[in-house]
Amino acid sequence: MDDSATLWHGRFDGDPAAALRALNDSLSFDRRMFREDIAGSRAHAAMLAGVGLITAAERDAIDAALDTVEAEMAGGAFVAAPGDEDIHTAVERRVTEITPAGAKLHTGRSRNDQVAADLRLWTRAALSDVARAVLGLQATLLARAEGAGGALLPGYTHLQQAQPVLLAHYLLAHGWALARDVDRLVEARRRADVSPLGAGALAGSSLPLDPERTASELGFSAVFDNSLDAVADRDFVADALYALAMLGVHLSRLGEELVLWSSSEFGFVELDDAFATGSSMMPQKKNPDVAELARAKAGRLIGRLAGLLATLKGLPLAYAKDLQEDKEPLFDAVDTVTLTLVALDGLMASARFDTDRMAAAASSPYGAATDLAEWLVARGTPFRQAHAIVGELVKRSLAGDGSLADLVAADERLGPDAAALLEPGASAARRNTPGAAGPEAVAAQLERFRNRLEADAARLG
């Protein structure tokens, strides 16, 4: 094959315009799928030999050539030719240079089903890697939760202090959100695990292909049902981008928490110098850049998903070049999430919690107002009435009539026993319903979370 020739040069006179090549060529970014493309070519060659379309000797020659190409690409020795518009063209061109049998490699195959297969293989592996990185961050959150002991801090609603909770409970809340991300990543991996090979350009083939065999060679769990759908389907990319975007949203939420907690106003956490930056002008500054970038990257991930959906929404069946726009968003999303996970994991592992500062913030008696209302409920007072009684006492305390503890102790409906609920730590110690923020409930939750991590690690393999 002429190095400058396209795969369709027999139909055209002359070479493509430079502007077309610049817009059309994708080797600069899809070459990262070279291992998947070579694996797919090996499986295809094995199938062709199995059905008698090439000889065993030709299959072996193709396999040997593919080994050479893989070594060249992995080692950086591969040199692209002018006609190598994508990784698929590049591999086939080089194989054909090495062995004449390479000219038979594309028998019964289109780049349409080939690229879909490569991307499915890449996505399947990438989602597994991301999920394992999520487990790494979850393990760090678990370790920090186990080491937090009985440390308390305020829980918040509307970013206003609400009720005291254990620090371990707070950390595990982020861990459980990440567990849902693992579920989504695993499900997206399952949706990618379908072989499109054998669909051809759009209509299958008149040759005696064996798609089941090719799928088995590549470890796919299923084979396409409809050749048009097989080459047009990028749902699996959208599924992956959604899972990655939701993961990014959860990482952003953790980042936001860390930005707040590391501020002077909160002072709940001191970031390790290795995971913070300084100011070029203000010597006193320590900036939570990792946390802020985790927050910012979520917008990028959401944009990648929205962009792909906008690309897909108007495409007729079957294949259109628009589908080339599936790879860069996916590659970027995987890279972005992976880098963010690694950085946040390091930040969380090295951060120093100021548990005294947290405890002081959690000691406000107003944080136990709900406990006072529930104390009354347990003694027969309707909740709405109990809520009003306690609310009135809080209002009087804030107006300067006395401390809330004194007002509660003096109230005949409450008294000294109820006032004891306002002591630091008393409120959180009472919250032991399943999944709650108290010591007994959190101890049980820690065990459940450990079991969940073990189960997720097992299903990822």
Protein backbone atom coordinates (compact mmCIF):
# COMPACT_ATOMS: atom_id res chain seq x y z
CA MET A 1 0.00 0.00 0.00
CA ASP A 2 1.30 3.46 -0.89
CA ASP A 3 2.07 5.33 2.35
CA SER A 4 0.11 8.33 1.15
CA ALA A 5 -2.87 6.35 -0.15
CA THR A 6 -6.24 6.42 1.59
CA LEU A 7 -8.36 3.34 2.18
CA TRP A 8 -10.72 4.57 -0.53
CA HIS A 9 -8.16 5.78 -3.12
CA GLY A 10 -9.56 3.50 -5.86
CA ARG A 11 -12.73 5.61 -6.08
CA PHE A 12 -11.05 9.04 -6.08
CA ASP A 13 -8.65 10.96 -8.29
CA GLY A 14 -5.94 12.85 -6.44
CA ASP A 15 -5.19 13.28 -2.77
CA PRO A 16 -7.43 14.76 -0.08
CA ALA A 17 -7.03 18.49 0.55
CA ALA A 18 -4.82 19.51 3.42
CA ALA A 19 -7.79 21.14 5.14
CA LEU A 20 -9.76 17.90 4.90
CA ARG A 21 -6.90 15.92 6.40
CA ALA A 22 -6.51 18.41 9.24
CA LEU A 23 -10.20 18.21 10.09
CA ASN A 24 -10.68 14.52 9.36
CA ASP A 25 -7.60 12.81 10.77
CA SER A 26 -7.83 11.42 14.30
CA LEU A 27 -4.55 9.55 14.78
CA SER A 28 -3.31 12.25 17.13
CA PHE A 29 -5.84 11.20 19.76
CA ASP A 30 -7.15 7.75 18.83
CA ARG A 31 -3.67 6.20 18.76
CA ARG A 32 -4.12 5.57 22.47
CA MET A 33 -6.40 2.70 21.37
CA PHE A 34 -3.59 0.92 19.54
CA ARG A 35 -3.60 -2.07 21.87
CA GLU A 36 -7.36 -2.46 21.44
CA ASP A 37 -7.10 -2.13 17.67
CA ILE A 38 -4.37 -4.76 17.54
CA ALA A 39 -6.34 -7.08 19.82
CA GLY A 40 -9.39 -6.67 17.59
CA SER A 41 -7.31 -7.38 14.49
CA ARG A 42 -5.88 -10.54 16.05
CA ALA A 43 -9.38 -11.76 16.91
CA HIS A 44 -10.66 -10.90 13.44
CA ALA A 45 -7.78 -12.74 11.77
CA ALA A 46 -8.39 -15.79 13.94
CA MET A 47 -12.05 -15.75 12.94
CA LEU A 48 -11.20 -15.37 9.24
CA ALA A 49 -8.94 -18.39 9.46
CA GLY A 50 -11.58 -20.30 11.40
CA VAL A 51 -14.17 -19.84 8.65
CA GLY A 52 -11.68 -20.49 5.86
CA LEU A 53 -11.37 -16.96 4.44
CA ILE A 54 -7.62 -16.91 5.09
CA THR A 55 -5.18 -19.74 5.64
CA ALA A 56 -3.58 -20.65 8.94
CA ALA A 57 -0.24 -19.51 7.52
CA GLU A 58 -1.69 -16.11 6.60
CA ARG A 59 -3.21 -15.79 10.08
CA ASP A 60 0.17 -16.56 11.63
CA ALA A 61 1.91 -14.03 9.41
CA ILE A 62 -0.67 -11.38 10.38
CA ASP A 63 -0.24 -12.23 14.06
CA ALA A 64 3.54 -11.89 13.81
CA ALA A 65 3.16 -8.56 12.01
CA LEU A 66 0.72 -7.33 14.67
CA ASP A 67 3.26 -8.28 17.34
CA THR A 68 5.83 -6.13 15.56
CA VAL A 69 3.47 -3.19 15.22
CA GLU A 70 2.47 -3.41 18.88
CA ALA A 71 6.11 -3.40 19.95
CA GLU A 72 6.85 -0.42 17.70
CA MET A 73 3.90 1.57 19.03
CA ALA A 74 4.55 0.68 22.65
CA GLY A 75 8.24 1.53 22.33
CA GLY A 76 7.76 4.77 20.43
CA ALA A 77 9.47 3.50 17.27
CA PHE A 78 6.34 3.59 15.10
CA VAL A 79 6.43 6.28 12.41
CA ALA A 80 3.10 7.43 11.02
CA ALA A 81 2.72 7.75 7.25
CA PRO A 82 0.91 10.63 5.52
CA GLY A 83 -2.08 8.40 4.77
CA ASP A 84 -2.53 7.23 8.38
CA GLU A 85 -5.67 9.15 9.19
CA ASP A 86 -6.50 7.06 12.25
CA ILE A 87 -5.14 4.22 14.36
CA HIS A 88 -7.00 1.63 12.31
CA THR A 89 -5.45 2.81 9.04
CA ALA A 90 -2.02 3.04 10.64
CA VAL A 91 -2.07 -0.51 12.00
CA GLU A 92 -3.35 -2.05 8.79
CA ARG A 93 -0.90 -0.09 6.64
CA ARG A 94 2.06 -1.18 8.74
CA VAL A 95 0.93 -4.82 8.90
CA THR A 96 0.61 -4.85 5.11
CA GLU A 97 4.14 -3.45 4.81
CA ILE A 98 5.43 -6.32 6.93
CA THR A 99 3.48 -9.15 5.27
CA PRO A 100 1.45 -9.43 2.06
CA ALA A 101 -1.18 -11.28 4.11
CA GLY A 102 -2.00 -7.92 5.68
CA ALA A 103 -3.98 -7.05 2.56
CA LYS A 104 -6.54 -9.65 3.66
CA LEU A 105 -6.90 -8.33 7.22
CA HIS A 106 -9.83 -6.06 6.40
CA THR A 107 -11.84 -8.88 4.82
CA GLY A 108 -15.41 -8.75 6.14
CA ARG A 109 -14.65 -5.74 8.30
CA SER A 110 -15.42 -2.03 8.09
CA ARG A 111 -13.84 0.73 10.07
CA ASN A 112 -17.37 1.36 11.30
CA ASP A 113 -17.59 -1.86 13.29
CA GLN A 114 -13.85 -1.83 13.94
CA VAL A 115 -13.77 1.57 15.63
CA ALA A 116 -16.88 0.74 17.66
CA ALA A 117 -15.21 -2.45 18.89
CA ASP A 118 -11.96 -0.66 19.76
CA LEU A 119 -13.78 2.01 21.71
CA ARG A 120 -15.89 -0.52 23.56
CA LEU A 121 -12.76 -2.44 24.55
CA TRP A 122 -11.04 0.76 25.67
CA THR A 123 -14.08 1.97 27.59
CA ARG A 124 -14.54 -1.35 29.34
CA ALA A 125 -10.97 -1.29 30.65
CA ALA A 126 -10.95 2.44 31.45
CA LEU A 127 -14.11 2.28 33.54
CA SER A 128 -12.65 -0.58 35.55
CA ASP A 129 -9.52 1.48 36.20
CA VAL A 130 -11.56 4.51 37.27
CA ALA A 131 -13.70 2.37 39.57
CA ARG A 132 -10.55 1.00 41.23
CA ALA A 133 -9.31 4.56 41.76
CA VAL A 134 -12.65 5.38 43.39
CA LEU A 135 -12.14 2.43 45.72
CA GLY A 136 -8.76 3.89 46.62
CA LEU A 137 -10.31 7.18 47.71
CA GLN A 138 -13.05 5.31 49.55
CA ALA A 139 -10.43 3.29 51.42
CA THR A 140 -8.76 6.54 52.48
CA LEU A 141 -12.08 7.95 53.69
CA LEU A 142 -12.66 4.74 55.61
CA ALA A 143 -9.22 4.90 57.23
CA ARG A 144 -9.78 8.53 58.25
CA ALA A 145 -13.23 7.67 59.60
CA GLU A 146 -11.83 4.76 61.62
CA GLY A 147 -9.16 7.06 63.04
CA ALA A 148 -11.59 9.85 63.89
CA GLY A 149 -12.91 8.12 67.01
CA GLY A 150 -15.58 10.16 68.74
CA ALA A 151 -14.64 13.49 67.15
CA LEU A 152 -17.69 15.71 66.64
CA LEU A 153 -18.45 18.59 64.33
CA PRO A 154 -21.61 20.42 63.36
CA GLY A 155 -23.72 19.00 60.58
CA TYR A 156 -25.21 21.60 58.29
CA THR A 157 -28.34 22.32 56.32
CA HIS A 158 -28.51 25.46 54.19
CA LEU A 159 -24.85 25.87 55.31
CA GLN A 160 -26.19 26.76 58.75
CA GLN A 161 -25.24 24.72 61.81
CA ALA A 162 -27.94 22.10 62.31
CA GLN A 163 -27.08 19.12 64.56
CA PRO A 164 -23.77 17.68 65.78
CA VAL A 165 -22.52 14.54 64.05
CA LEU A 166 -19.47 12.34 64.29
CA LEU A 167 -16.64 13.25 61.94
CA ALA A 168 -16.60 9.58 60.91
CA HIS A 169 -20.24 9.92 59.84
CA TYR A 170 -19.40 12.95 57.71
CA LEU A 171 -16.53 11.17 55.97
CA LEU A 172 -18.60 8.07 55.33
CA ALA A 173 -21.34 10.18 53.75
CA HIS A 174 -18.90 11.00 50.97
CA GLY A 175 -17.83 7.36 50.86
CA TRP A 176 -21.38 6.11 50.28
CA ALA A 177 -21.91 8.64 47.47
CA LEU A 178 -18.77 7.27 45.83
CA ALA A 179 -20.16 3.74 46.24
CA ARG A 180 -23.05 4.74 44.00
CA ASP A 181 -20.49 5.97 41.49
CA VAL A 182 -18.87 2.55 41.50
CA ASP A 183 -22.29 1.06 40.75
CA ARG A 184 -22.74 3.42 37.80
CA LEU A 185 -19.25 2.73 36.47
CA VAL A 186 -19.82 -1.02 36.66
CA GLU A 187 -23.17 -0.68 34.91
CA ALA A 188 -21.65 1.52 32.20
CA ARG A 189 -18.92 -1.10 31.76
CA ARG A 190 -21.61 -3.76 31.30
CA ARG A 191 -23.31 -1.69 28.62
CA ALA A 192 -20.01 -1.33 26.76
CA ASP A 193 -19.43 -5.08 26.87
CA VAL A 194 -21.10 -5.89 23.53
CA SER A 195 -19.18 -6.78 20.37
CA PRO A 196 -20.14 -4.96 17.15
CA LEU A 197 -17.65 -6.89 15.01
CA GLY A 198 -19.37 -8.55 12.09
CA ALA A 199 -21.77 -5.66 11.53
CA GLY A 200 -19.54 -4.37 8.76
CA ALA A 201 -20.23 -0.89 7.46
CA LEU A 202 -23.92 -1.16 8.36
CA ALA A 203 -25.47 -4.29 6.84
CA GLY A 204 -23.33 -7.24 7.85
CA SER A 205 -21.58 -9.30 5.17
CA SER A 206 -22.16 -11.87 2.48
CA LEU A 207 -19.03 -13.67 3.71
CA PRO A 208 -19.37 -16.52 6.24
CA LEU A 209 -18.29 -14.46 9.27
CA ASP A 210 -18.58 -15.73 12.84
CA PRO A 211 -19.30 -12.75 15.13
CA GLU A 212 -19.75 -15.02 18.15
CA ARG A 213 -16.22 -16.34 17.77
CA THR A 214 -14.73 -12.85 17.44
CA ALA A 215 -16.64 -11.69 20.51
CA SER A 216 -15.41 -14.66 22.49
CA GLU A 217 -11.80 -14.04 21.43
CA LEU A 218 -12.06 -10.49 22.80
CA GLY A 219 -13.88 -11.43 25.99
CA PHE A 220 -17.11 -9.64 25.11
CA SER A 221 -20.15 -10.87 27.01
CA ALA A 222 -22.61 -10.29 24.17
CA VAL A 223 -22.86 -9.78 20.41
CA PHE A 224 -24.85 -7.12 18.56
CA ASP A 225 -28.43 -7.87 17.46
CA ASN A 226 -28.79 -5.37 14.65
CA SER A 227 -25.99 -4.31 12.32
CA LEU A 228 -27.34 -0.78 11.81
CA ASP A 229 -27.58 -0.22 15.53
CA ALA A 230 -24.20 -1.82 16.16
CA VAL A 231 -22.23 0.75 14.18
CA ALA A 232 -24.42 3.73 15.15
CA ASP A 233 -24.69 3.04 18.88
CA ARG A 234 -22.74 5.36 21.15
CA ASP A 235 -25.10 5.01 24.09
CA PHE A 236 -22.31 3.28 25.94
CA VAL A 237 -20.12 6.39 25.61
CA ALA A 238 -22.93 8.58 26.92
CA ASP A 239 -23.48 6.12 29.78
CA ALA A 240 -19.79 6.28 30.62
CA LEU A 241 -19.74 10.08 30.46
CA TYR A 242 -22.78 10.28 32.71
CA ALA A 243 -21.16 7.98 35.27
CA LEU A 244 -17.95 10.04 35.11
CA ALA A 245 -19.87 13.33 35.36
CA MET A 246 -21.78 12.16 38.44
CA LEU A 247 -18.50 11.02 39.97
CA GLY A 248 -17.10 14.46 39.19
CA VAL A 249 -20.07 16.08 40.91
CA HIS A 250 -19.41 14.03 44.04
CA LEU A 251 -15.72 14.90 43.96
CA SER A 252 -16.72 18.55 43.55
CA ARG A 253 -18.93 18.30 46.62
CA LEU A 254 -16.05 16.87 48.66
CA GLY A 255 -13.83 19.62 47.28
CA GLU A 256 -16.32 22.29 48.33
CA GLU A 257 -16.38 20.86 51.84
CA LEU A 258 -12.60 21.00 52.02
CA VAL A 259 -12.49 24.58 50.72
CA LEU A 260 -14.86 25.63 53.50
CA TRP A 261 -13.24 23.55 56.22
CA SER A 262 -9.75 24.84 55.45
CA SER A 263 -10.82 28.49 55.62
CA SER A 264 -9.91 30.59 58.66
CA GLU A 265 -13.59 30.98 59.45
CA PHE A 266 -14.05 27.20 59.82
CA GLY A 267 -10.55 26.04 60.66
CA PHE A 268 -11.60 22.39 60.71
CA VAL A 269 -8.76 21.09 58.56
CA GLU A 270 -5.14 21.94 57.81
CA LEU A 271 -4.00 20.85 54.36
CA ASP A 272 -0.60 19.27 53.96
CA ASP A 273 1.88 21.53 52.17
CA ALA A 274 2.25 18.95 49.40
CA PHE A 275 -1.44 19.37 48.50
CA ALA A 276 -1.78 23.15 48.82
CA THR A 277 -0.33 26.19 47.08
CA GLY A 278 0.74 29.66 48.17
CA SER A 279 0.20 33.16 46.93
CA SER A 280 2.61 35.04 44.68
CA MET A 281 1.86 38.21 46.67
CA MET A 282 0.54 37.29 50.12
CA PRO A 283 3.09 35.29 52.14
CA GLN A 284 0.58 34.03 54.71
CA LYS A 285 -1.67 32.22 52.26
CA LYS A 286 -2.22 28.49 51.91
CA ASN A 287 -4.68 27.82 49.12
CA PRO A 288 -6.77 24.64 48.67
CA ASP A 289 -6.12 24.41 44.93
CA VAL A 290 -6.67 20.65 44.74
CA ALA A 291 -10.11 21.00 46.29
CA GLU A 292 -10.96 23.99 44.11
CA LEU A 293 -9.89 22.23 40.94
CA ALA A 294 -11.90 19.16 41.94
CA ARG A 295 -14.85 21.51 42.18
CA ALA A 296 -14.10 23.12 38.82
CA LYS A 297 -13.48 19.89 36.91
CA ALA A 298 -17.09 18.86 37.45
CA GLY A 299 -18.18 21.58 35.03
CA ARG A 300 -15.80 20.22 32.42
CA LEU A 301 -17.16 16.70 32.88
CA ILE A 302 -20.76 17.85 32.64
CA GLY A 303 -19.84 19.71 29.46
CA ARG A 304 -18.34 16.58 27.92
CA LEU A 305 -21.59 14.68 28.50
CA ALA A 306 -23.76 17.52 27.19
CA GLY A 307 -21.54 17.92 24.13
CA LEU A 308 -21.76 14.27 23.15
CA LEU A 309 -25.53 14.16 23.62
CA ALA A 310 -25.85 17.22 21.39
CA THR A 311 -23.72 15.46 18.76
CA LEU A 312 -25.79 12.29 18.87
CA LYS A 313 -29.27 13.75 18.99
CA GLY A 314 -29.68 14.48 15.26
CA LEU A 315 -27.81 11.61 13.61
CA PRO A 316 -29.63 9.30 11.19
CA LEU A 317 -28.71 5.63 11.01
CA ALA A 318 -26.18 4.27 10.57
CA TYR A 319 -22.68 5.75 10.70
CA ALA A 320 -21.72 9.39 10.21
CA LYS A 321 -18.37 11.06 10.72
CA ASP A 322 -19.91 13.01 13.57
CA LEU A 323 -19.30 9.88 15.64
CA GLN A 324 -15.58 10.60 15.55
CA GLU A 325 -16.43 13.20 18.20
CA ASP A 326 -17.10 10.43 20.72
CA LYS A 327 -13.48 9.76 21.63
CA GLU A 328 -11.95 13.03 22.77
CA PRO A 329 -14.73 13.75 25.29
CA LEU A 330 -14.44 10.24 26.71
CA PHE A 331 -10.65 10.22 26.81
CA ASP A 332 -10.60 13.64 28.45
CA ALA A 333 -13.27 12.71 30.98
CA VAL A 334 -11.42 9.56 32.03
CA ASP A 335 -8.12 11.45 32.30
CA THR A 336 -9.72 14.31 34.23
CA VAL A 337 -11.52 12.09 36.72
CA THR A 338 -8.49 9.87 37.27
CA LEU A 339 -6.18 12.80 37.99
CA THR A 340 -8.75 14.38 40.31
CA LEU A 341 -9.23 11.13 42.22
CA VAL A 342 -5.51 10.67 42.76
CA ALA A 343 -5.04 14.26 43.94
CA LEU A 344 -8.03 14.21 46.29
CA ASP A 345 -6.94 10.85 47.68
CA GLY A 346 -3.55 12.31 48.56
CA LEU A 347 -5.13 15.40 50.05
CA MET A 348 -7.52 13.40 52.23
CA ALA A 349 -4.81 11.01 53.37
CA SER A 350 -2.49 13.82 54.48
CA ALA A 351 -4.95 16.43 55.82
CA ARG A 352 -4.90 17.19 59.56
CA PHE A 353 -8.27 17.60 61.23
CA ASP A 354 -8.54 20.12 64.07
CA THR A 355 -10.94 18.10 66.17
CA ASP A 356 -10.82 20.63 69.02
CA ARG A 357 -12.03 23.36 66.69
CA MET A 358 -14.70 21.03 65.37
CA ALA A 359 -15.82 20.10 68.88
CA ALA A 360 -16.05 23.74 69.91
CA ALA A 361 -18.25 24.47 66.91
CA ALA A 362 -20.40 21.43 67.69
CA SER A 363 -20.92 22.40 71.34
CA SER A 364 -23.57 25.06 70.71
CA PRO A 365 -26.63 24.16 72.78
CA TYR A 366 -28.87 25.17 69.90
CA GLY A 367 -27.68 22.12 67.99
CA ALA A 368 -29.61 19.98 70.49
CA ALA A 369 -32.92 21.81 70.01
CA THR A 370 -34.39 18.86 68.10
CA ASP A 371 -33.39 16.55 70.95
CA LEU A 372 -35.39 18.71 73.34
CA ALA A 373 -38.43 18.46 71.08
CA GLU A 374 -38.01 14.69 70.80
CA TRP A 375 -37.62 14.48 74.60
CA LEU A 376 -41.06 16.07 74.90
CA VAL A 377 -42.47 13.78 72.18
CA ALA A 378 -41.25 10.72 74.07
CA ARG A 379 -43.34 11.95 77.00
CA GLY A 380 -46.53 12.40 75.03
CA THR A 381 -46.34 15.89 73.60
CA PRO A 382 -47.36 16.14 69.92
CA PHE A 383 -44.33 16.99 67.81
CA ARG A 384 -45.69 20.27 66.43
CA GLN A 385 -46.43 21.46 69.95
CA ALA A 386 -43.02 20.31 71.16
CA HIS A 387 -41.38 22.12 68.24
CA ALA A 388 -43.16 25.35 69.21
CA ILE A 389 -42.22 25.03 72.89
CA VAL A 390 -38.53 24.61 72.14
CA GLY A 391 -38.60 27.27 69.41
CA GLU A 392 -39.99 29.78 71.92
CA LEU A 393 -37.20 28.98 74.39
CA VAL A 394 -34.57 29.38 71.67
CA LYS A 395 -36.06 32.75 70.71
CA ARG A 396 -35.99 33.92 74.32
CA SER A 397 -32.39 32.79 74.73
CA LEU A 398 -31.26 34.59 71.60
CA ALA A 399 -33.10 37.70 72.81
CA GLY A 400 -31.02 37.71 76.02
CA ASP A 401 -33.48 36.24 78.53
CA GLY A 402 -30.85 33.73 79.66
CA SER A 403 -28.88 30.72 78.48
CA LEU A 404 -30.86 28.04 76.74
CA ALA A 405 -29.78 25.54 79.39
CA ASP A 406 -31.11 27.74 82.19
CA LEU A 407 -34.37 28.39 80.38
CA VAL A 408 -34.87 24.68 79.71
CA ALA A 409 -34.05 23.74 83.30
CA ALA A 410 -36.56 26.30 84.60
CA ASP A 411 -39.35 25.21 82.25
CA GLU A 412 -41.77 22.88 84.04
CA ARG A 413 -42.40 20.95 80.82
CA LEU A 414 -38.70 20.18 80.48
CA GLY A 415 -36.51 20.66 83.55
CA PRO A 416 -32.94 19.67 84.52
CA ASP A 417 -33.09 16.23 82.91
CA ALA A 418 -33.89 17.79 79.55
CA ALA A 419 -31.27 20.50 80.08
CA ALA A 420 -28.64 17.75 80.34
CA LEU A 421 -29.23 17.05 76.65
CA LEU A 422 -27.53 20.37 75.91
CA GLU A 423 -24.17 19.20 77.25
CA PRO A 424 -21.50 18.79 74.53
CA GLY A 425 -21.71 15.37 72.94
CA ALA A 426 -24.99 14.39 74.56
CA SER A 427 -27.07 14.99 71.46
CA ALA A 428 -24.90 12.96 69.09
CA ALA A 429 -24.62 10.09 71.58
CA ARG A 430 -28.40 9.61 71.43
CA ARG A 431 -28.63 9.29 67.64
CA ASN A 432 -28.37 5.57 67.11
CA THR A 433 -31.17 4.72 64.72
CA PRO A 434 -29.90 2.77 61.66
CA GLY A 435 -27.65 4.96 59.53
CA ALA A 436 -27.65 7.77 62.08
CA ALA A 437 -24.75 9.93 63.28
CA GLY A 438 -24.30 8.50 66.80
CA PRO A 439 -21.49 6.20 68.00
CA GLU A 440 -23.35 2.87 67.90
CA ALA A 441 -24.91 3.54 64.51
CA VAL A 442 -21.61 4.75 63.05
CA ALA A 443 -19.77 1.68 64.35
CA ALA A 444 -22.28 -0.51 62.50
CA GLN A 445 -22.00 1.71 59.44
CA LEU A 446 -18.21 1.38 59.41
CA GLU A 447 -18.58 -2.39 59.28
CA ARG A 448 -21.09 -2.16 56.42
CA PHE A 449 -18.81 0.17 54.52
CA ARG A 450 -15.82 -2.16 54.93
CA ASN A 451 -17.93 -5.01 53.59
CA ARG A 452 -19.09 -2.87 50.67
CA LEU A 453 -15.51 -2.02 49.68
CA GLU A 454 -14.53 -5.68 49.79
CA ALA A 455 -17.51 -6.66 47.67
CA ASP A 456 -16.83 -3.92 45.11
CA ALA A 457 -13.16 -4.87 44.89
CA ALA A 458 -14.20 -8.47 44.23
CA ARG A 459 -16.63 -7.61 41.45
CA LEU A 460 -14.07 -5.37 39.75
CA GLY A 461 -11.57 -8.22 39.73
